[in-house]
């Protein structure tokens, strides 16, 4: 089959299934695994070159609604009659389902079931590992600095925080993504501040971005030097690679737990 993925998280689901050899093109932001680096690039995920995509004659396009604005891609593919599988993961359970959906579409149901089980078993392992922790620190995840966006209750990062033994300090807000301000973050006074700006590489961020903000000096995370620059590709994309982000976050929190338990 000739597959095109127009969203990084979709590309990573294909790779999780070990079927990246079926890909004939991807969007500009897809960067994992490295084996896809030689593939044609069809533009930013919100502005896909549909004429070029159509010329590649895909058997299936993996499209997405996980980011606002991607509706245009879905509509244009429908208009052109190009076969597509639309994914819209918002939770870890959705990602598990998407692994099976993509595997089914590629006629690899047995492989997909095995890979979905592997993903779920790792989640269950961390849930069991951390379910009885006495110290449950609060975590502030920052997706974007100006205006500030952070994940809310119905978001995979809230689940990742809990699996790592912590709690998203905005988990009380019944939204997937919360637009707020720094004063609100200061009031919530999290134990950890984790920056993972969407589309921004880790090396482009600095702890100074937080330290230069007003009223930070008395925050718990600042006093204990628990400000962390995270790889956005391991936290901002709803794909199986969230497991790698989970492992890193668990390691960060485990150090504090040893001190506070």
C-alpha atoms as a PDB file:
ATOM      1  CA  UNK A   1       0.000   0.000   0.000  1.00  0.00           C
ATOM      2  CA  UNK A   2       1.014   3.592  -0.671  1.00  0.00           C
ATOM      3  CA  UNK A   3       0.348   5.637   2.457  1.00  0.00           C
ATOM      4  CA  UNK A   4       0.650   9.361   3.065  1.00  0.00           C
ATOM      5  CA  UNK A   5       0.615  10.831   6.553  1.00  0.00           C
ATOM      6  CA  UNK A   6      -0.157  14.535   6.936  1.00  0.00           C
ATOM      7  CA  UNK A   7       0.307  14.805  10.698  1.00  0.00           C
ATOM      8  CA  UNK A   8       3.362  13.892  12.863  1.00  0.00           C
ATOM      9  CA  UNK A   9       1.347  11.842  15.356  1.00  0.00           C
ATOM     10  CA  UNK A  10      -0.117   9.766  12.513  1.00  0.00           C
ATOM     11  CA  UNK A  11       3.370   9.140  11.121  1.00  0.00           C
ATOM     12  CA  UNK A  12       4.438   7.921  14.563  1.00  0.00           C
ATOM     13  CA  UNK A  13       1.507   5.494  14.747  1.00  0.00           C
ATOM     14  CA  UNK A  14       2.638   4.045  11.413  1.00  0.00           C
ATOM     15  CA  UNK A  15       6.162   3.697  12.798  1.00  0.00           C
ATOM     16  CA  UNK A  16       4.841   2.046  15.977  1.00  0.00           C
ATOM     17  CA  UNK A  17       3.265  -0.569  13.693  1.00  0.00           C
ATOM     18  CA  UNK A  18       6.655  -0.948  11.944  1.00  0.00           C
ATOM     19  CA  UNK A  19       5.075  -0.104   8.592  1.00  0.00           C
ATOM     20  CA  UNK A  20       6.894   3.137   7.774  1.00  0.00           C
ATOM     21  CA  UNK A  21       8.175   1.458   4.591  1.00  0.00           C
ATOM     22  CA  UNK A  22       4.639   1.933   3.211  1.00  0.00           C
ATOM     23  CA  UNK A  23       4.888   5.722   3.485  1.00  0.00           C
ATOM     24  CA  UNK A  24       5.439   7.626   0.230  1.00  0.00           C
ATOM     25  CA  UNK A  25       5.197  11.167   1.637  1.00  0.00           C
ATOM     26  CA  UNK A  26       4.653  13.048   4.900  1.00  0.00           C
ATOM     27  CA  UNK A  27       4.002  16.557   6.202  1.00  0.00           C
ATOM     28  CA  UNK A  28       6.884  18.925   6.986  1.00  0.00           C
ATOM     29  CA  UNK A  29       6.744  18.400  10.759  1.00  0.00           C
ATOM     30  CA  UNK A  30       7.016  14.614  10.770  1.00  0.00           C
ATOM     31  CA  UNK A  31      10.515  13.905  12.074  1.00  0.00           C
ATOM     32  CA  UNK A  32      10.397  10.394  13.538  1.00  0.00           C
ATOM     33  CA  UNK A  33      11.638   7.828  12.817  1.00  0.00           C
ATOM     34  CA  UNK A  34      14.762   9.019  10.998  1.00  0.00           C
ATOM     35  CA  UNK A  35      14.079   6.602   8.156  1.00  0.00           C
ATOM     36  CA  UNK A  36      11.366   8.951   6.820  1.00  0.00           C
ATOM     37  CA  UNK A  37      13.786  11.829   6.297  1.00  0.00           C
ATOM     38  CA  UNK A  38      14.210  11.000   2.599  1.00  0.00           C
ATOM     39  CA  UNK A  39      10.476  11.084   1.862  1.00  0.00           C
ATOM     40  CA  UNK A  40       8.817  13.921  -0.060  1.00  0.00           C
ATOM     41  CA  UNK A  41       7.443  16.696   2.168  1.00  0.00           C
ATOM     42  CA  UNK A  42       3.979  18.046   1.392  1.00  0.00           C
ATOM     43  CA  UNK A  43       4.068  21.228   3.451  1.00  0.00           C
ATOM     44  CA  UNK A  44       2.969  22.251   6.962  1.00  0.00           C
ATOM     45  CA  UNK A  45       0.213  20.101   8.452  1.00  0.00           C
ATOM     46  CA  UNK A  46      -2.231  23.033   8.262  1.00  0.00           C
ATOM     47  CA  UNK A  47      -1.334  23.828   4.659  1.00  0.00           C
ATOM     48  CA  UNK A  48      -0.788  20.563   2.766  1.00  0.00           C
ATOM     49  CA  UNK A  49      -0.018  20.748  -0.971  1.00  0.00           C
ATOM     50  CA  UNK A  50      -3.024  18.756  -2.110  1.00  0.00           C
ATOM     51  CA  UNK A  51      -2.097  18.839  -5.806  1.00  0.00           C
ATOM     52  CA  UNK A  52       1.233  17.190  -5.088  1.00  0.00           C
ATOM     53  CA  UNK A  53      -0.417  14.750  -2.693  1.00  0.00           C
ATOM     54  CA  UNK A  54      -2.906  13.707  -5.372  1.00  0.00           C
ATOM     55  CA  UNK A  55      -0.119  13.232  -7.946  1.00  0.00           C
ATOM     56  CA  UNK A  56       1.489  10.651  -5.639  1.00  0.00           C
ATOM     57  CA  UNK A  57      -1.659   8.480  -6.018  1.00  0.00           C
ATOM     58  CA  UNK A  58      -1.904   7.226  -2.432  1.00  0.00           C
ATOM     59  CA  UNK A  59      -4.017   4.227  -1.533  1.00  0.00           C
ATOM     60  CA  UNK A  60      -4.720   5.870   1.816  1.00  0.00           C
ATOM     61  CA  UNK A  61      -4.079   9.209   3.484  1.00  0.00           C
ATOM     62  CA  UNK A  62      -3.890   9.365   7.282  1.00  0.00           C
ATOM     63  CA  UNK A  63      -5.465  12.703   8.099  1.00  0.00           C
ATOM     64  CA  UNK A  64      -6.192  14.235  11.468  1.00  0.00           C
ATOM     65  CA  UNK A  65      -8.460  16.541  13.428  1.00  0.00           C
ATOM     66  CA  UNK A  66      -6.228  16.693  16.512  1.00  0.00           C
ATOM     67  CA  UNK A  67      -5.201  20.309  15.795  1.00  0.00           C
ATOM     68  CA  UNK A  68      -7.670  23.128  15.011  1.00  0.00           C
ATOM     69  CA  UNK A  69      -7.483  24.020  11.326  1.00  0.00           C
ATOM     70  CA  UNK A  70      -6.908  20.506  10.009  1.00  0.00           C
ATOM     71  CA  UNK A  71     -10.547  20.349   8.979  1.00  0.00           C
ATOM     72  CA  UNK A  72      -9.489  21.975   5.702  1.00  0.00           C
ATOM     73  CA  UNK A  73      -7.326  18.969   4.838  1.00  0.00           C
ATOM     74  CA  UNK A  74     -10.131  16.521   5.585  1.00  0.00           C
ATOM     75  CA  UNK A  75     -12.613  18.521   3.499  1.00  0.00           C
ATOM     76  CA  UNK A  76     -10.240  18.847   0.541  1.00  0.00           C
ATOM     77  CA  UNK A  77      -9.441  15.120   0.535  1.00  0.00           C
ATOM     78  CA  UNK A  78     -13.174  14.377   0.572  1.00  0.00           C
ATOM     79  CA  UNK A  79     -13.725  16.831  -2.290  1.00  0.00           C
ATOM     80  CA  UNK A  80     -11.052  15.124  -4.389  1.00  0.00           C
ATOM     81  CA  UNK A  81     -12.278  11.624  -3.541  1.00  0.00           C
ATOM     82  CA  UNK A  82      -8.952  10.567  -2.055  1.00  0.00           C
ATOM     83  CA  UNK A  83      -9.284   7.676   0.448  1.00  0.00           C
ATOM     84  CA  UNK A  84      -8.478   8.792   3.982  1.00  0.00           C
ATOM     85  CA  UNK A  85      -8.573   7.583   7.564  1.00  0.00           C
ATOM     86  CA  UNK A  86      -9.361  10.450   9.928  1.00  0.00           C
ATOM     87  CA  UNK A  87      -7.800  10.245  13.390  1.00  0.00           C
ATOM     88  CA  UNK A  88      -8.685  12.556  16.277  1.00  0.00           C
ATOM     89  CA  UNK A  89      -6.995  11.282  19.458  1.00  0.00           C
ATOM     90  CA  UNK A  90      -7.578  13.201  22.682  1.00  0.00           C
ATOM     91  CA  UNK A  91      -6.669  10.534  25.231  1.00  0.00           C
ATOM     92  CA  UNK A  92      -4.418   7.517  25.706  1.00  0.00           C
ATOM     93  CA  UNK A  93      -7.399   5.249  25.057  1.00  0.00           C
ATOM     94  CA  UNK A  94      -7.931   7.036  21.735  1.00  0.00           C
ATOM     95  CA  UNK A  95      -4.307   6.375  20.782  1.00  0.00           C
ATOM     96  CA  UNK A  96      -4.764   2.680  21.579  1.00  0.00           C
ATOM     97  CA  UNK A  97      -7.836   2.656  19.338  1.00  0.00           C
ATOM     98  CA  UNK A  98      -5.964   4.486  16.569  1.00  0.00           C
ATOM     99  CA  UNK A  99      -3.215   1.860  16.557  1.00  0.00           C
ATOM    100  CA  UNK A 100      -5.905  -0.739  15.865  1.00  0.00           C
ATOM    101  CA  UNK A 101      -7.698   1.448  13.297  1.00  0.00           C
ATOM    102  CA  UNK A 102      -4.552   2.084  11.280  1.00  0.00           C
ATOM    103  CA  UNK A 103      -3.558  -1.579  11.490  1.00  0.00           C
ATOM    104  CA  UNK A 104      -7.006  -2.617  10.269  1.00  0.00           C
ATOM    105  CA  UNK A 105      -6.791  -0.163   7.351  1.00  0.00           C
ATOM    106  CA  UNK A 106      -3.387  -1.626   6.428  1.00  0.00           C
ATOM    107  CA  UNK A 107      -4.783  -5.173   6.666  1.00  0.00           C
ATOM    108  CA  UNK A 108      -2.472  -5.955   9.580  1.00  0.00           C
ATOM    109  CA  UNK A 109      -4.973  -6.631  12.331  1.00  0.00           C
ATOM    110  CA  UNK A 110      -2.872  -9.169  14.249  1.00  0.00           C
ATOM    111  CA  UNK A 111       0.128  -6.839  14.319  1.00  0.00           C
ATOM    112  CA  UNK A 112      -2.094  -3.935  15.333  1.00  0.00           C
ATOM    113  CA  UNK A 113      -3.653  -5.884  18.194  1.00  0.00           C
ATOM    114  CA  UNK A 114      -0.198  -6.862  19.470  1.00  0.00           C
ATOM    115  CA  UNK A 115       1.088  -3.293  19.261  1.00  0.00           C
ATOM    116  CA  UNK A 116      -2.034  -1.868  20.893  1.00  0.00           C
ATOM    117  CA  UNK A 117      -1.637  -4.370  23.725  1.00  0.00           C
ATOM    118  CA  UNK A 118       2.035  -3.435  24.094  1.00  0.00           C
ATOM    119  CA  UNK A 119       1.077   0.239  24.386  1.00  0.00           C
ATOM    120  CA  UNK A 120      -1.657  -0.485  26.935  1.00  0.00           C
ATOM    121  CA  UNK A 121       0.538  -2.781  29.020  1.00  0.00           C
ATOM    122  CA  UNK A 122       3.142  -0.051  29.430  1.00  0.00           C
ATOM    123  CA  UNK A 123       0.429   2.350  30.586  1.00  0.00           C
ATOM    124  CA  UNK A 124      -0.845  -0.232  33.069  1.00  0.00           C
ATOM    125  CA  UNK A 125       2.674  -0.820  34.353  1.00  0.00           C
ATOM    126  CA  UNK A 126       3.126   2.822  35.277  1.00  0.00           C
ATOM    127  CA  UNK A 127      -0.360   3.046  36.760  1.00  0.00           C
ATOM    128  CA  UNK A 128       0.435   0.146  39.084  1.00  0.00           C
ATOM    129  CA  UNK A 129       3.911   1.466  39.857  1.00  0.00           C
ATOM    130  CA  UNK A 130       2.700   4.861  41.057  1.00  0.00           C
ATOM    131  CA  UNK A 131      -0.835   4.292  42.344  1.00  0.00           C
ATOM    132  CA  UNK A 132       0.189   4.235  46.023  1.00  0.00           C
ATOM    133  CA  UNK A 133       2.589   7.159  46.095  1.00  0.00           C
ATOM    134  CA  UNK A 134       2.110   9.287  49.199  1.00  0.00           C
ATOM    135  CA  UNK A 135       3.687  12.342  47.596  1.00  0.00           C
ATOM    136  CA  UNK A 136       1.639  13.537  44.603  1.00  0.00           C
ATOM    137  CA  UNK A 137       3.202  16.736  43.265  1.00  0.00           C
ATOM    138  CA  UNK A 138       1.341  19.198  41.078  1.00  0.00           C
ATOM    139  CA  UNK A 139       2.651  19.869  37.597  1.00  0.00           C
ATOM    140  CA  UNK A 140       2.143  22.867  35.345  1.00  0.00           C
ATOM    141  CA  UNK A 141       2.604  22.078  31.658  1.00  0.00           C
ATOM    142  CA  UNK A 142       3.031  25.049  29.353  1.00  0.00           C
ATOM    143  CA  UNK A 143       2.128  24.479  25.723  1.00  0.00           C
ATOM    144  CA  UNK A 144       2.481  28.076  24.632  1.00  0.00           C
ATOM    145  CA  UNK A 145       3.853  31.136  26.460  1.00  0.00           C
ATOM    146  CA  UNK A 146       1.999  34.131  25.028  1.00  0.00           C
ATOM    147  CA  UNK A 147      -0.905  33.843  25.432  1.00  0.00           C
ATOM    148  CA  UNK A 148      -0.465  30.984  27.866  1.00  0.00           C
ATOM    149  CA  UNK A 149      -2.010  27.649  26.902  1.00  0.00           C
ATOM    150  CA  UNK A 150      -1.900  24.579  29.135  1.00  0.00           C
ATOM    151  CA  UNK A 151      -3.607  21.173  28.987  1.00  0.00           C
ATOM    152  CA  UNK A 152      -6.824  20.784  30.972  1.00  0.00           C
ATOM    153  CA  UNK A 153      -8.784  17.847  32.347  1.00  0.00           C
ATOM    154  CA  UNK A 154      -9.625  16.082  29.084  1.00  0.00           C
ATOM    155  CA  UNK A 155      -6.091  15.789  27.771  1.00  0.00           C
ATOM    156  CA  UNK A 156      -3.485  13.064  27.403  1.00  0.00           C
ATOM    157  CA  UNK A 157      -0.947  15.068  29.430  1.00  0.00           C
ATOM    158  CA  UNK A 158      -3.253  15.010  32.443  1.00  0.00           C
ATOM    159  CA  UNK A 159      -3.204  11.223  32.131  1.00  0.00           C
ATOM    160  CA  UNK A 160       0.571  11.178  31.673  1.00  0.00           C
ATOM    161  CA  UNK A 161       0.992  13.282  34.820  1.00  0.00           C
ATOM    162  CA  UNK A 162      -1.125  10.849  36.848  1.00  0.00           C
ATOM    163  CA  UNK A 163       0.688   7.795  35.475  1.00  0.00           C
ATOM    164  CA  UNK A 164       3.996   9.397  36.492  1.00  0.00           C
ATOM    165  CA  UNK A 165       2.705   9.895  40.025  1.00  0.00           C
ATOM    166  CA  UNK A 166       1.772  13.571  39.766  1.00  0.00           C
ATOM    167  CA  UNK A 167      -1.249  15.747  39.069  1.00  0.00           C
ATOM    168  CA  UNK A 168      -1.822  18.377  36.410  1.00  0.00           C
ATOM    169  CA  UNK A 169      -2.551  21.576  38.355  1.00  0.00           C
ATOM    170  CA  UNK A 170      -5.152  22.521  35.714  1.00  0.00           C
ATOM    171  CA  UNK A 171      -6.929  19.149  35.824  1.00  0.00           C
ATOM    172  CA  UNK A 172      -9.943  20.863  37.411  1.00  0.00           C
ATOM    173  CA  UNK A 173     -10.680  22.728  34.164  1.00  0.00           C
ATOM    174  CA  UNK A 174     -12.970  20.632  31.952  1.00  0.00           C
ATOM    175  CA  UNK A 175     -11.244  21.464  28.688  1.00  0.00           C
ATOM    176  CA  UNK A 176      -8.597  19.804  26.529  1.00  0.00           C
ATOM    177  CA  UNK A 177      -6.600  23.039  26.227  1.00  0.00           C
ATOM    178  CA  UNK A 178      -6.867  25.981  28.621  1.00  0.00           C
ATOM    179  CA  UNK A 179      -6.086  29.595  27.768  1.00  0.00           C
ATOM    180  CA  UNK A 180      -4.998  31.322  30.967  1.00  0.00           C
ATOM    181  CA  UNK A 181      -2.479  33.850  32.327  1.00  0.00           C
ATOM    182  CA  UNK A 182       0.612  33.767  34.509  1.00  0.00           C
ATOM    183  CA  UNK A 183      -1.215  35.138  37.561  1.00  0.00           C
ATOM    184  CA  UNK A 184      -3.427  32.039  37.501  1.00  0.00           C
ATOM    185  CA  UNK A 185      -0.368  29.767  37.364  1.00  0.00           C
ATOM    186  CA  UNK A 186       1.243  31.634  40.270  1.00  0.00           C
ATOM    187  CA  UNK A 187      -1.921  31.189  42.355  1.00  0.00           C
ATOM    188  CA  UNK A 188      -1.906  27.441  41.705  1.00  0.00           C
ATOM    189  CA  UNK A 189       1.757  27.347  42.808  1.00  0.00           C
ATOM    190  CA  UNK A 190       2.783  24.024  41.184  1.00  0.00           C
ATOM    191  CA  UNK A 191       5.604  21.799  42.436  1.00  0.00           C
ATOM    192  CA  UNK A 192       6.907  21.436  38.899  1.00  0.00           C
ATOM    193  CA  UNK A 193       6.933  23.731  35.877  1.00  0.00           C
ATOM    194  CA  UNK A 194       7.344  21.864  32.589  1.00  0.00           C
ATOM    195  CA  UNK A 195       7.727  23.796  29.350  1.00  0.00           C
ATOM    196  CA  UNK A 196       6.849  21.953  26.146  1.00  0.00           C
ATOM    197  CA  UNK A 197       5.996  24.578  23.550  1.00  0.00           C
ATOM    198  CA  UNK A 198       4.215  23.185  20.507  1.00  0.00           C
ATOM    199  CA  UNK A 199       6.480  23.191  17.468  1.00  0.00           C
ATOM    200  CA  UNK A 200       9.458  24.660  19.369  1.00  0.00           C
ATOM    201  CA  UNK A 201      12.617  22.600  19.796  1.00  0.00           C
ATOM    202  CA  UNK A 202      13.917  22.061  23.316  1.00  0.00           C
ATOM    203  CA  UNK A 203      17.120  24.020  22.648  1.00  0.00           C
ATOM    204  CA  UNK A 204      15.093  27.111  21.707  1.00  0.00           C
ATOM    205  CA  UNK A 205      13.594  27.380  25.203  1.00  0.00           C
ATOM    206  CA  UNK A 206      15.207  28.687  28.376  1.00  0.00           C
ATOM    207  CA  UNK A 207      14.389  28.640  32.082  1.00  0.00           C
ATOM    208  CA  UNK A 208      14.835  32.407  31.935  1.00  0.00           C
ATOM    209  CA  UNK A 209      11.502  32.571  30.112  1.00  0.00           C
ATOM    210  CA  UNK A 210       9.898  31.674  33.445  1.00  0.00           C
ATOM    211  CA  UNK A 211      12.283  33.422  35.831  1.00  0.00           C
ATOM    212  CA  UNK A 212      11.743  36.757  34.086  1.00  0.00           C
ATOM    213  CA  UNK A 213       8.001  36.658  34.703  1.00  0.00           C
ATOM    214  CA  UNK A 214       6.454  38.613  37.586  1.00  0.00           C
ATOM    215  CA  UNK A 215       5.824  37.005  40.996  1.00  0.00           C
ATOM    216  CA  UNK A 216       7.834  33.874  40.303  1.00  0.00           C
ATOM    217  CA  UNK A 217      10.373  34.105  43.116  1.00  0.00           C
ATOM    218  CA  UNK A 218       8.088  32.602  45.777  1.00  0.00           C
ATOM    219  CA  UNK A 219       6.708  29.740  43.683  1.00  0.00           C
ATOM    220  CA  UNK A 220       7.521  26.241  44.944  1.00  0.00           C
ATOM    221  CA  UNK A 221       8.864  25.084  41.580  1.00  0.00           C
ATOM    222  CA  UNK A 222      11.194  28.076  41.390  1.00  0.00           C
ATOM    223  CA  UNK A 223      12.446  27.725  44.970  1.00  0.00           C
ATOM    224  CA  UNK A 224      13.247  24.032  44.480  1.00  0.00           C
ATOM    225  CA  UNK A 225      14.604  24.517  40.946  1.00  0.00           C
ATOM    226  CA  UNK A 226      11.996  22.222  39.452  1.00  0.00           C
ATOM    227  CA  UNK A 227      11.636  23.997  36.096  1.00  0.00           C
ATOM    228  CA  UNK A 228      12.104  21.534  33.244  1.00  0.00           C
ATOM    229  CA  UNK A 229      12.452  22.016  29.505  1.00  0.00           C
ATOM    230  CA  UNK A 230      10.764  19.049  27.839  1.00  0.00           C
ATOM    231  CA  UNK A 231      10.937  17.758  24.277  1.00  0.00           C
ATOM    232  CA  UNK A 232       7.692  18.924  22.725  1.00  0.00           C
ATOM    233  CA  UNK A 233       7.653  15.927  20.387  1.00  0.00           C
ATOM    234  CA  UNK A 234       7.344  13.607  23.408  1.00  0.00           C
ATOM    235  CA  UNK A 235       4.503  15.499  25.094  1.00  0.00           C
ATOM    236  CA  UNK A 236       2.550  17.539  22.531  1.00  0.00           C
ATOM    237  CA  UNK A 237       1.787  14.828  19.981  1.00  0.00           C
ATOM    238  CA  UNK A 238      -0.946  12.235  20.664  1.00  0.00           C
ATOM    239  CA  UNK A 239       1.075   9.232  19.577  1.00  0.00           C
ATOM    240  CA  UNK A 240       2.715   6.155  21.142  1.00  0.00           C
ATOM    241  CA  UNK A 241       5.856   8.246  21.718  1.00  0.00           C
ATOM    242  CA  UNK A 242       4.089   9.688  24.751  1.00  0.00           C
ATOM    243  CA  UNK A 243       5.407   6.580  26.516  1.00  0.00           C
ATOM    244  CA  UNK A 244       8.921   7.936  26.160  1.00  0.00           C
ATOM    245  CA  UNK A 245       7.759  11.229  27.627  1.00  0.00           C
ATOM    246  CA  UNK A 246       6.078   9.322  30.454  1.00  0.00           C
ATOM    247  CA  UNK A 247       9.315   7.523  31.286  1.00  0.00           C
ATOM    248  CA  UNK A 248      11.196  10.807  31.484  1.00  0.00           C
ATOM    249  CA  UNK A 249       8.546  12.525  33.611  1.00  0.00           C
ATOM    250  CA  UNK A 250       8.371   9.526  35.927  1.00  0.00           C
ATOM    251  CA  UNK A 251      12.134   9.735  36.414  1.00  0.00           C
ATOM    252  CA  UNK A 252      11.920  13.449  37.279  1.00  0.00           C
ATOM    253  CA  UNK A 253       9.163  12.913  39.839  1.00  0.00           C
ATOM    254  CA  UNK A 254      10.693   9.764  41.323  1.00  0.00           C
ATOM    255  CA  UNK A 255      13.677  11.748  42.588  1.00  0.00           C
ATOM    256  CA  UNK A 256      11.386  14.095  44.541  1.00  0.00           C
ATOM    257  CA  UNK A 257       9.271  11.230  45.787  1.00  0.00           C
ATOM    258  CA  UNK A 258      12.298   9.568  47.359  1.00  0.00           C
ATOM    259  CA  UNK A 259      12.875  12.767  49.339  1.00  0.00           C
ATOM    260  CA  UNK A 260       9.257  13.428  50.324  1.00  0.00           C
ATOM    261  CA  UNK A 261       7.787   9.952  50.916  1.00  0.00           C
END
